Amino acid sequence: MLLASILLMGSIVRNPALPNPGPPTAVPAEARGVYAVTRHPMMWSFALWGLCHIAVYPVAPNIIIAGAVIVLALAGAAGQDRKKEALQPGTWPVWESKTSYWPFAAIISGKAKLGGFGMHALAGGLVLWLVATWLHMPLAGWKAGIWRWFQ
């Protein structure tokens, strides 16, 4: 969940996939930070959320909801690539060539280098994770994350 939080917070700044009412957003010269990990850090953060929740609480209602989130996030990311290819044929394929749909595939293949994470991703992700796991007790009735070890 901490990785999912970092991906989510990192995707909020300088995300070339976010809707832009003006001209198409220019793609960065190189994939850095969460974009080196995956072209769709926000969508993968949702998918990781679903996978983690299924792993720790594998009951039918949770599997259905978390599974739906996973399918929507990953199918949505793939659909977003197709839409951007059609709407931005001069820029989006260039971004696709520098990044990967699958997490860490661009780093493994040498298209991107791990690093360049901004403080909004690292500190923001840590704060989001701490707050979200702390809220588990009052909202869900059980402790999560590091809070499981505190009274």
N, C-alpha and C. Protein backbone atom coordinates (compact mmCIF):
# COMPACT_ATOMS: atom_id res chain seq x y z
N MET A 1 0.81 -1.20 0.00
CA MET A 1 0.00 0.00 0.00
C MET A 1 0.85 1.26 0.00
N LEU A 2 2.03 1.20 0.60
CA LEU A 2 2.90 2.38 0.57
C LEU A 2 3.31 2.68 -0.86
N LEU A 3 3.67 1.67 -1.64
CA LEU A 3 4.01 1.88 -3.05
C LEU A 3 2.83 2.47 -3.81
N ALA A 4 1.63 1.96 -3.55
CA ALA A 4 0.43 2.49 -4.21
C ALA A 4 0.24 3.96 -3.86
N SER A 5 0.48 4.33 -2.60
CA SER A 5 0.33 5.72 -2.17
C SER A 5 1.35 6.62 -2.86
N ILE A 6 2.59 6.14 -2.99
CA ILE A 6 3.63 6.91 -3.67
C ILE A 6 3.28 7.08 -5.14
N LEU A 7 2.82 6.03 -5.79
CA LEU A 7 2.41 6.13 -7.19
C LEU A 7 1.28 7.13 -7.36
N LEU A 8 0.29 7.08 -6.47
CA LEU A 8 -0.86 7.98 -6.57
C LEU A 8 -0.42 9.43 -6.40
N MET A 9 0.32 9.72 -5.35
CA MET A 9 0.72 11.11 -5.10
C MET A 9 1.68 11.60 -6.18
N GLY A 10 2.54 10.74 -6.68
CA GLY A 10 3.46 11.13 -7.75
C GLY A 10 2.76 11.40 -9.07
N SER A 11 1.60 10.79 -9.27
CA SER A 11 0.88 10.97 -10.54
C SER A 11 0.14 12.29 -10.63
N ILE A 12 0.05 13.01 -9.54
CA ILE A 12 -0.73 14.25 -9.52
C ILE A 12 0.02 15.41 -10.18
N VAL A 13 1.34 15.35 -10.17
CA VAL A 13 2.15 16.45 -10.71
C VAL A 13 2.79 16.04 -12.04
N ARG A 14 2.69 16.91 -13.01
CA ARG A 14 3.30 16.73 -14.34
C ARG A 14 2.91 15.43 -15.02
N ASN A 15 1.65 15.09 -14.94
CA ASN A 15 1.16 13.86 -15.54
C ASN A 15 0.68 14.14 -16.96
N PRO A 16 1.38 13.65 -17.98
CA PRO A 16 0.97 13.92 -19.35
C PRO A 16 -0.33 13.21 -19.75
N ALA A 17 -0.81 12.30 -18.92
CA ALA A 17 -2.04 11.59 -19.24
C ALA A 17 -3.28 12.29 -18.71
N LEU A 18 -3.12 13.25 -17.80
CA LEU A 18 -4.29 13.94 -17.25
C LEU A 18 -4.97 14.77 -18.33
N PRO A 19 -6.30 14.87 -18.27
CA PRO A 19 -7.01 15.68 -19.27
C PRO A 19 -6.54 17.13 -19.23
N ASN A 20 -6.45 17.72 -20.40
CA ASN A 20 -6.00 19.09 -20.53
C ASN A 20 -6.92 19.78 -21.53
N PRO A 21 -7.66 20.82 -21.10
CA PRO A 21 -8.60 21.46 -22.03
C PRO A 21 -7.90 22.24 -23.14
N GLY A 22 -6.64 22.55 -22.96
CA GLY A 22 -5.89 23.29 -23.97
C GLY A 22 -5.20 22.36 -24.95
N PRO A 23 -4.09 22.82 -25.48
CA PRO A 23 -3.33 21.96 -26.40
C PRO A 23 -2.76 20.75 -25.65
N PRO A 24 -2.43 19.69 -26.37
CA PRO A 24 -1.89 18.49 -25.72
C PRO A 24 -0.68 18.82 -24.85
N THR A 25 -0.62 18.17 -23.69
CA THR A 25 0.50 18.36 -22.78
C THR A 25 1.76 17.80 -23.41
N ALA A 26 2.83 18.58 -23.38
CA ALA A 26 4.10 18.11 -23.93
C ALA A 26 4.62 16.95 -23.08
N VAL A 27 5.14 15.94 -23.73
CA VAL A 27 5.68 14.81 -22.99
C VAL A 27 7.08 15.17 -22.51
N PRO A 28 7.45 14.73 -21.31
CA PRO A 28 8.80 15.01 -20.80
C PRO A 28 9.87 14.36 -21.67
N ALA A 29 11.08 14.91 -21.58
CA ALA A 29 12.20 14.39 -22.36
C ALA A 29 12.55 12.97 -21.94
N GLU A 30 12.37 12.67 -20.64
CA GLU A 30 12.64 11.31 -20.15
C GLU A 30 11.66 10.98 -19.04
N ALA A 31 11.43 9.71 -18.84
CA ALA A 31 10.54 9.25 -17.78
C ALA A 31 11.31 9.27 -16.47
N ARG A 32 10.81 10.01 -15.49
CA ARG A 32 11.44 10.12 -14.18
C ARG A 32 10.43 9.82 -13.10
N GLY A 33 10.91 9.44 -11.93
CA GLY A 33 10.03 9.21 -10.79
C GLY A 33 9.03 8.10 -11.05
N VAL A 34 7.77 8.38 -10.71
CA VAL A 34 6.74 7.35 -10.87
C VAL A 34 6.50 7.00 -12.33
N TYR A 35 6.82 7.92 -13.25
CA TYR A 35 6.63 7.64 -14.67
C TYR A 35 7.69 6.71 -15.23
N ALA A 36 8.82 6.60 -14.55
CA ALA A 36 9.81 5.58 -14.91
C ALA A 36 9.31 4.21 -14.49
N VAL A 37 8.54 4.18 -13.41
CA VAL A 37 7.98 2.91 -12.93
C VAL A 37 6.89 2.43 -13.87
N THR A 38 5.96 3.30 -14.21
CA THR A 38 4.88 2.96 -15.13
C THR A 38 4.31 4.23 -15.77
N ARG A 39 3.80 4.09 -16.97
CA ARG A 39 3.18 5.21 -17.67
C ARG A 39 1.87 5.62 -17.00
N HIS A 40 1.28 4.71 -16.23
CA HIS A 40 -0.01 4.96 -15.59
C HIS A 40 0.08 4.77 -14.08
N PRO A 41 0.83 5.62 -13.38
CA PRO A 41 1.00 5.41 -11.94
C PRO A 41 -0.29 5.51 -11.14
N MET A 42 -1.21 6.38 -11.53
CA MET A 42 -2.46 6.50 -10.79
C MET A 42 -3.29 5.23 -10.92
N MET A 43 -3.41 4.73 -12.13
CA MET A 43 -4.21 3.53 -12.35
C MET A 43 -3.59 2.32 -11.67
N TRP A 44 -2.27 2.21 -11.72
CA TRP A 44 -1.61 1.10 -11.03
C TRP A 44 -1.72 1.24 -9.52
N SER A 45 -1.81 2.46 -9.01
CA SER A 45 -2.01 2.62 -7.56
C SER A 45 -3.37 2.05 -7.16
N PHE A 46 -4.38 2.27 -7.98
CA PHE A 46 -5.71 1.70 -7.69
C PHE A 46 -5.67 0.18 -7.77
N ALA A 47 -4.97 -0.35 -8.78
CA ALA A 47 -4.86 -1.80 -8.92
C ALA A 47 -4.12 -2.42 -7.74
N LEU A 48 -3.04 -1.78 -7.30
CA LEU A 48 -2.32 -2.28 -6.12
C LEU A 48 -3.19 -2.21 -4.86
N TRP A 49 -3.98 -1.16 -4.74
CA TRP A 49 -4.92 -1.06 -3.62
C TRP A 49 -5.83 -2.30 -3.62
N GLY A 50 -6.39 -2.61 -4.77
CA GLY A 50 -7.28 -3.77 -4.87
C GLY A 50 -6.57 -5.07 -4.54
N LEU A 51 -5.38 -5.26 -5.09
CA LEU A 51 -4.63 -6.49 -4.83
C LEU A 51 -4.30 -6.65 -3.35
N CYS A 52 -3.87 -5.56 -2.71
CA CYS A 52 -3.55 -5.62 -1.28
C CYS A 52 -4.77 -5.95 -0.45
N HIS A 53 -5.90 -5.35 -0.79
CA HIS A 53 -7.11 -5.59 0.00
C HIS A 53 -7.66 -7.00 -0.20
N ILE A 54 -7.51 -7.54 -1.37
CA ILE A 54 -7.90 -8.94 -1.59
C ILE A 54 -6.98 -9.87 -0.81
N ALA A 55 -5.67 -9.56 -0.83
CA ALA A 55 -4.70 -10.42 -0.14
C ALA A 55 -4.93 -10.48 1.36
N VAL A 56 -5.28 -9.35 1.97
CA VAL A 56 -5.43 -9.35 3.44
C VAL A 56 -6.84 -9.66 3.91
N TYR A 57 -7.83 -9.56 3.04
CA TYR A 57 -9.21 -9.81 3.45
C TYR A 57 -9.97 -10.49 2.31
N PRO A 58 -9.65 -11.77 2.05
CA PRO A 58 -10.22 -12.47 0.89
C PRO A 58 -11.62 -13.04 1.13
N VAL A 59 -12.59 -12.16 1.29
CA VAL A 59 -13.98 -12.58 1.41
C VAL A 59 -14.72 -12.08 0.17
N ALA A 60 -15.80 -12.75 -0.18
CA ALA A 60 -16.49 -12.49 -1.45
C ALA A 60 -16.82 -11.02 -1.69
N PRO A 61 -17.47 -10.31 -0.76
CA PRO A 61 -17.79 -8.91 -1.07
C PRO A 61 -16.56 -8.05 -1.34
N ASN A 62 -15.50 -8.27 -0.58
CA ASN A 62 -14.26 -7.51 -0.78
C ASN A 62 -13.61 -7.88 -2.10
N ILE A 63 -13.60 -9.16 -2.44
CA ILE A 63 -13.00 -9.61 -3.70
C ILE A 63 -13.74 -8.99 -4.89
N ILE A 64 -15.07 -8.93 -4.79
CA ILE A 64 -15.86 -8.36 -5.89
C ILE A 64 -15.56 -6.88 -6.07
N ILE A 65 -15.58 -6.12 -4.98
CA ILE A 65 -15.34 -4.68 -5.08
C ILE A 65 -13.90 -4.39 -5.49
N ALA A 66 -12.94 -5.01 -4.80
CA ALA A 66 -11.53 -4.76 -5.12
C ALA A 66 -11.20 -5.27 -6.52
N GLY A 67 -11.77 -6.40 -6.90
CA GLY A 67 -11.55 -6.94 -8.25
C GLY A 67 -12.08 -6.00 -9.32
N ALA A 68 -13.23 -5.40 -9.06
CA ALA A 68 -13.79 -4.44 -10.02
C ALA A 68 -12.89 -3.22 -10.15
N VAL A 69 -12.33 -2.75 -9.04
CA VAL A 69 -11.41 -1.62 -9.08
C VAL A 69 -10.18 -1.98 -9.91
N ILE A 70 -9.66 -3.17 -9.71
CA ILE A 70 -8.48 -3.62 -10.47
C ILE A 70 -8.78 -3.65 -11.96
N VAL A 71 -9.88 -4.27 -12.34
CA VAL A 71 -10.24 -4.38 -13.76
C VAL A 71 -10.46 -3.00 -14.38
N LEU A 72 -11.22 -2.15 -13.69
CA LEU A 72 -11.47 -0.80 -14.22
C LEU A 72 -10.18 0.00 -14.36
N ALA A 73 -9.29 -0.10 -13.38
CA ALA A 73 -8.05 0.66 -13.44
C ALA A 73 -7.16 0.20 -14.59
N LEU A 74 -6.95 -1.10 -14.70
CA LEU A 74 -6.02 -1.59 -15.71
C LEU A 74 -6.60 -1.54 -17.12
N ALA A 75 -7.89 -1.84 -17.26
CA ALA A 75 -8.53 -1.70 -18.58
C ALA A 75 -8.62 -0.23 -18.96
N GLY A 76 -8.88 0.63 -17.98
CA GLY A 76 -8.93 2.06 -18.24
C GLY A 76 -7.59 2.61 -18.69
N ALA A 77 -6.52 2.13 -18.08
CA ALA A 77 -5.19 2.57 -18.49
C ALA A 77 -4.89 2.15 -19.92
N ALA A 78 -5.23 0.93 -20.27
CA ALA A 78 -5.02 0.45 -21.65
C ALA A 78 -5.88 1.26 -22.63
N GLY A 79 -7.12 1.52 -22.24
CA GLY A 79 -8.00 2.33 -23.08
C GLY A 79 -7.50 3.76 -23.23
N GLN A 80 -6.93 4.27 -22.17
CA GLN A 80 -6.37 5.62 -22.22
C GLN A 80 -5.23 5.69 -23.23
N ASP A 81 -4.40 4.66 -23.27
CA ASP A 81 -3.32 4.63 -24.27
C ASP A 81 -3.90 4.69 -25.68
N ARG A 82 -4.92 3.91 -25.95
CA ARG A 82 -5.52 3.90 -27.29
C ARG A 82 -6.09 5.27 -27.64
N LYS A 83 -6.78 5.88 -26.67
CA LYS A 83 -7.39 7.19 -26.91
C LYS A 83 -6.32 8.26 -27.15
N LYS A 84 -5.27 8.26 -26.34
CA LYS A 84 -4.20 9.25 -26.50
C LYS A 84 -3.46 9.05 -27.82
N GLU A 85 -3.30 7.80 -28.24
CA GLU A 85 -2.66 7.55 -29.54
C GLU A 85 -3.47 8.19 -30.67
N ALA A 86 -4.79 8.11 -30.55
CA ALA A 86 -5.66 8.69 -31.59
C ALA A 86 -5.70 10.22 -31.50
N LEU A 87 -5.74 10.76 -30.29
CA LEU A 87 -5.86 12.20 -30.12
C LEU A 87 -4.53 12.94 -30.23
N GLN A 88 -3.44 12.27 -29.89
CA GLN A 88 -2.12 12.90 -29.91
C GLN A 88 -1.12 12.02 -30.66
N PRO A 89 -1.34 11.80 -31.95
CA PRO A 89 -0.48 10.87 -32.69
C PRO A 89 0.97 11.33 -32.79
N GLY A 90 1.24 12.60 -32.61
CA GLY A 90 2.62 13.08 -32.70
C GLY A 90 3.38 13.02 -31.39
N THR A 91 2.67 12.98 -30.25
CA THR A 91 3.37 13.04 -28.97
C THR A 91 3.21 11.78 -28.12
N TRP A 92 2.01 11.21 -28.10
CA TRP A 92 1.79 10.08 -27.18
C TRP A 92 2.63 8.85 -27.53
N PRO A 93 2.76 8.47 -28.80
CA PRO A 93 3.65 7.33 -29.11
C PRO A 93 5.11 7.57 -28.67
N VAL A 94 5.55 8.83 -28.67
CA VAL A 94 6.89 9.14 -28.20
C VAL A 94 6.97 8.84 -26.70
N TRP A 95 5.94 9.23 -25.93
CA TRP A 95 5.90 8.96 -24.49
C TRP A 95 5.82 7.46 -24.24
N GLU A 96 5.03 6.76 -25.03
CA GLU A 96 4.94 5.30 -24.89
C GLU A 96 6.30 4.63 -25.13
N SER A 97 7.09 5.18 -26.02
CA SER A 97 8.40 4.58 -26.30
C SER A 97 9.39 4.76 -25.15
N LYS A 98 9.12 5.72 -24.26
CA LYS A 98 10.01 6.00 -23.13
C LYS A 98 9.54 5.36 -21.82
N THR A 99 8.33 4.84 -21.83
CA THR A 99 7.71 4.34 -20.61
C THR A 99 7.15 2.95 -20.85
N SER A 100 6.47 2.42 -19.83
CA SER A 100 5.86 1.10 -19.97
C SER A 100 4.51 1.07 -19.26
N TYR A 101 3.59 0.33 -19.82
CA TYR A 101 2.31 0.08 -19.16
C TYR A 101 2.55 -0.73 -17.89
N TRP A 102 3.39 -1.75 -17.98
CA TRP A 102 3.66 -2.65 -16.86
C TRP A 102 4.70 -2.04 -15.91
N PRO A 103 4.44 -2.08 -14.61
CA PRO A 103 5.39 -1.51 -13.66
C PRO A 103 6.78 -2.13 -13.77
N PHE A 104 7.76 -1.27 -13.78
CA PHE A 104 9.19 -1.59 -13.80
C PHE A 104 9.68 -2.17 -15.12
N ALA A 105 8.83 -2.39 -16.11
CA ALA A 105 9.27 -2.96 -17.38
C ALA A 105 10.19 -2.00 -18.14
N ALA A 106 9.90 -0.69 -18.09
CA ALA A 106 10.77 0.27 -18.79
C ALA A 106 12.14 0.34 -18.13
N ILE A 107 12.18 0.18 -16.82
CA ILE A 107 13.46 0.20 -16.10
C ILE A 107 14.26 -1.05 -16.44
N ILE A 108 13.60 -2.20 -16.42
CA ILE A 108 14.27 -3.47 -16.73
C ILE A 108 14.79 -3.48 -18.17
N SER A 109 14.00 -2.91 -19.09
CA SER A 109 14.40 -2.90 -20.50
C SER A 109 15.42 -1.82 -20.82
N GLY A 110 15.68 -0.90 -19.87
CA GLY A 110 16.65 0.15 -20.09
C GLY A 110 16.08 1.42 -20.72
N LYS A 111 14.77 1.47 -20.95
CA LYS A 111 14.15 2.68 -21.52
C LYS A 111 14.08 3.81 -20.51
N ALA A 112 14.07 3.47 -19.22
CA ALA A 112 13.96 4.47 -18.15
C ALA A 112 14.89 4.08 -17.01
N LYS A 113 15.21 5.05 -16.17
CA LYS A 113 16.07 4.80 -15.02
C LYS A 113 15.28 5.07 -13.75
N LEU A 114 15.46 4.21 -12.76
CA LEU A 114 14.80 4.40 -11.48
C LEU A 114 15.42 5.61 -10.78
N GLY A 115 14.57 6.48 -10.26
CA GLY A 115 15.05 7.67 -9.57
C GLY A 115 14.28 8.89 -9.99
N GLY A 116 14.62 10.01 -9.40
CA GLY A 116 13.98 11.26 -9.75
C GLY A 116 12.62 11.44 -9.11
N PHE A 117 12.37 10.74 -8.01
CA PHE A 117 11.09 10.88 -7.33
C PHE A 117 11.04 12.24 -6.62
N GLY A 118 9.98 12.98 -6.84
CA GLY A 118 9.81 14.25 -6.16
C GLY A 118 9.32 14.06 -4.73
N MET A 119 9.48 15.10 -3.92
CA MET A 119 9.01 15.04 -2.55
C MET A 119 7.50 14.90 -2.48
N HIS A 120 6.79 15.42 -3.49
CA HIS A 120 5.34 15.24 -3.50
C HIS A 120 4.97 13.76 -3.59
N ALA A 121 5.80 12.99 -4.28
CA ALA A 121 5.54 11.55 -4.39
C ALA A 121 5.95 10.82 -3.12
N LEU A 122 7.16 11.06 -2.65
CA LEU A 122 7.69 10.32 -1.50
C LEU A 122 7.05 10.76 -0.19
N ALA A 123 7.13 12.04 0.13
CA ALA A 123 6.55 12.53 1.39
C ALA A 123 5.02 12.48 1.33
N GLY A 124 4.48 12.89 0.19
CA GLY A 124 3.02 12.85 0.03
C GLY A 124 2.49 11.43 0.12
N GLY A 125 3.20 10.49 -0.50
CA GLY A 125 2.79 9.09 -0.43
C GLY A 125 2.86 8.54 0.98
N LEU A 126 3.92 8.90 1.70
CA LEU A 126 4.06 8.45 3.08
C LEU A 126 2.94 9.01 3.96
N VAL A 127 2.66 10.30 3.81
CA VAL A 127 1.59 10.92 4.60
C VAL A 127 0.24 10.30 4.25
N LEU A 128 -0.04 10.13 2.97
CA LEU A 128 -1.30 9.50 2.56
C LEU A 128 -1.43 8.11 3.15
N TRP A 129 -0.36 7.33 3.08
CA TRP A 129 -0.38 5.97 3.61
C TRP A 129 -0.61 5.97 5.12
N LEU A 130 0.09 6.84 5.84
CA LEU A 130 -0.09 6.91 7.29
C LEU A 130 -1.50 7.32 7.66
N VAL A 131 -2.05 8.31 6.99
CA VAL A 131 -3.42 8.76 7.29
C VAL A 131 -4.44 7.69 6.92
N ALA A 132 -4.30 7.11 5.73
CA ALA A 132 -5.27 6.10 5.29
C ALA A 132 -5.24 4.87 6.20
N THR A 133 -4.06 4.43 6.60
CA THR A 133 -4.01 3.26 7.48
C THR A 133 -4.49 3.61 8.89
N TRP A 134 -4.25 4.83 9.35
CA TRP A 134 -4.75 5.25 10.65
C TRP A 134 -6.29 5.30 10.65
N LEU A 135 -6.86 5.75 9.53
CA LEU A 135 -8.32 5.85 9.43
C LEU A 135 -9.01 4.48 9.37
N HIS A 136 -8.26 3.43 9.14
CA HIS A 136 -8.86 2.10 9.10
C HIS A 136 -9.58 1.76 10.40
N MET A 137 -9.01 2.11 11.52
CA MET A 137 -9.63 1.75 12.80
C MET A 137 -10.99 2.44 12.99
N PRO A 138 -11.07 3.76 12.87
CA PRO A 138 -12.38 4.37 13.08
C PRO A 138 -13.39 4.07 11.96
N LEU A 139 -12.91 3.85 10.74
CA LEU A 139 -13.84 3.64 9.63
C LEU A 139 -14.17 2.17 9.36
N ALA A 140 -13.20 1.29 9.53
CA ALA A 140 -13.41 -0.12 9.20
C ALA A 140 -13.44 -1.03 10.42
N GLY A 141 -12.97 -0.53 11.55
CA GLY A 141 -13.04 -1.32 12.77
C GLY A 141 -11.83 -2.19 13.06
N TRP A 142 -10.78 -2.08 12.25
CA TRP A 142 -9.55 -2.81 12.56
C TRP A 142 -8.34 -1.99 12.13
N LYS A 143 -7.24 -2.26 12.80
CA LYS A 143 -6.01 -1.50 12.54
C LYS A 143 -5.33 -2.01 11.27
N ALA A 144 -4.64 -1.10 10.61
CA ALA A 144 -3.92 -1.45 9.39
C ALA A 144 -2.55 -0.78 9.40
N GLY A 145 -1.66 -1.28 8.57
CA GLY A 145 -0.33 -0.69 8.44
C GLY A 145 0.44 -0.76 9.75
N ILE A 146 1.25 0.25 10.00
CA ILE A 146 2.07 0.26 11.20
C ILE A 146 1.23 0.40 12.46
N TRP A 147 0.00 0.86 12.34
CA TRP A 147 -0.86 1.08 13.50
C TRP A 147 -1.24 -0.23 14.18
N ARG A 148 -1.04 -1.34 13.51
CA ARG A 148 -1.34 -2.65 14.12
C ARG A 148 -0.43 -2.92 15.31
N TRP A 149 0.74 -2.25 15.35
CA TRP A 149 1.70 -2.49 16.43
C TRP A 149 1.61 -1.47 17.56
N PHE A 150 0.69 -0.52 17.44
CA PHE A 150 0.51 0.50 18.48
C PHE A 150 -0.83 0.26 19.18
N GLN A 151 -0.86 0.61 20.45
CA GLN A 151 -2.12 0.46 21.20
C GLN A 151 -3.02 1.58 20.87
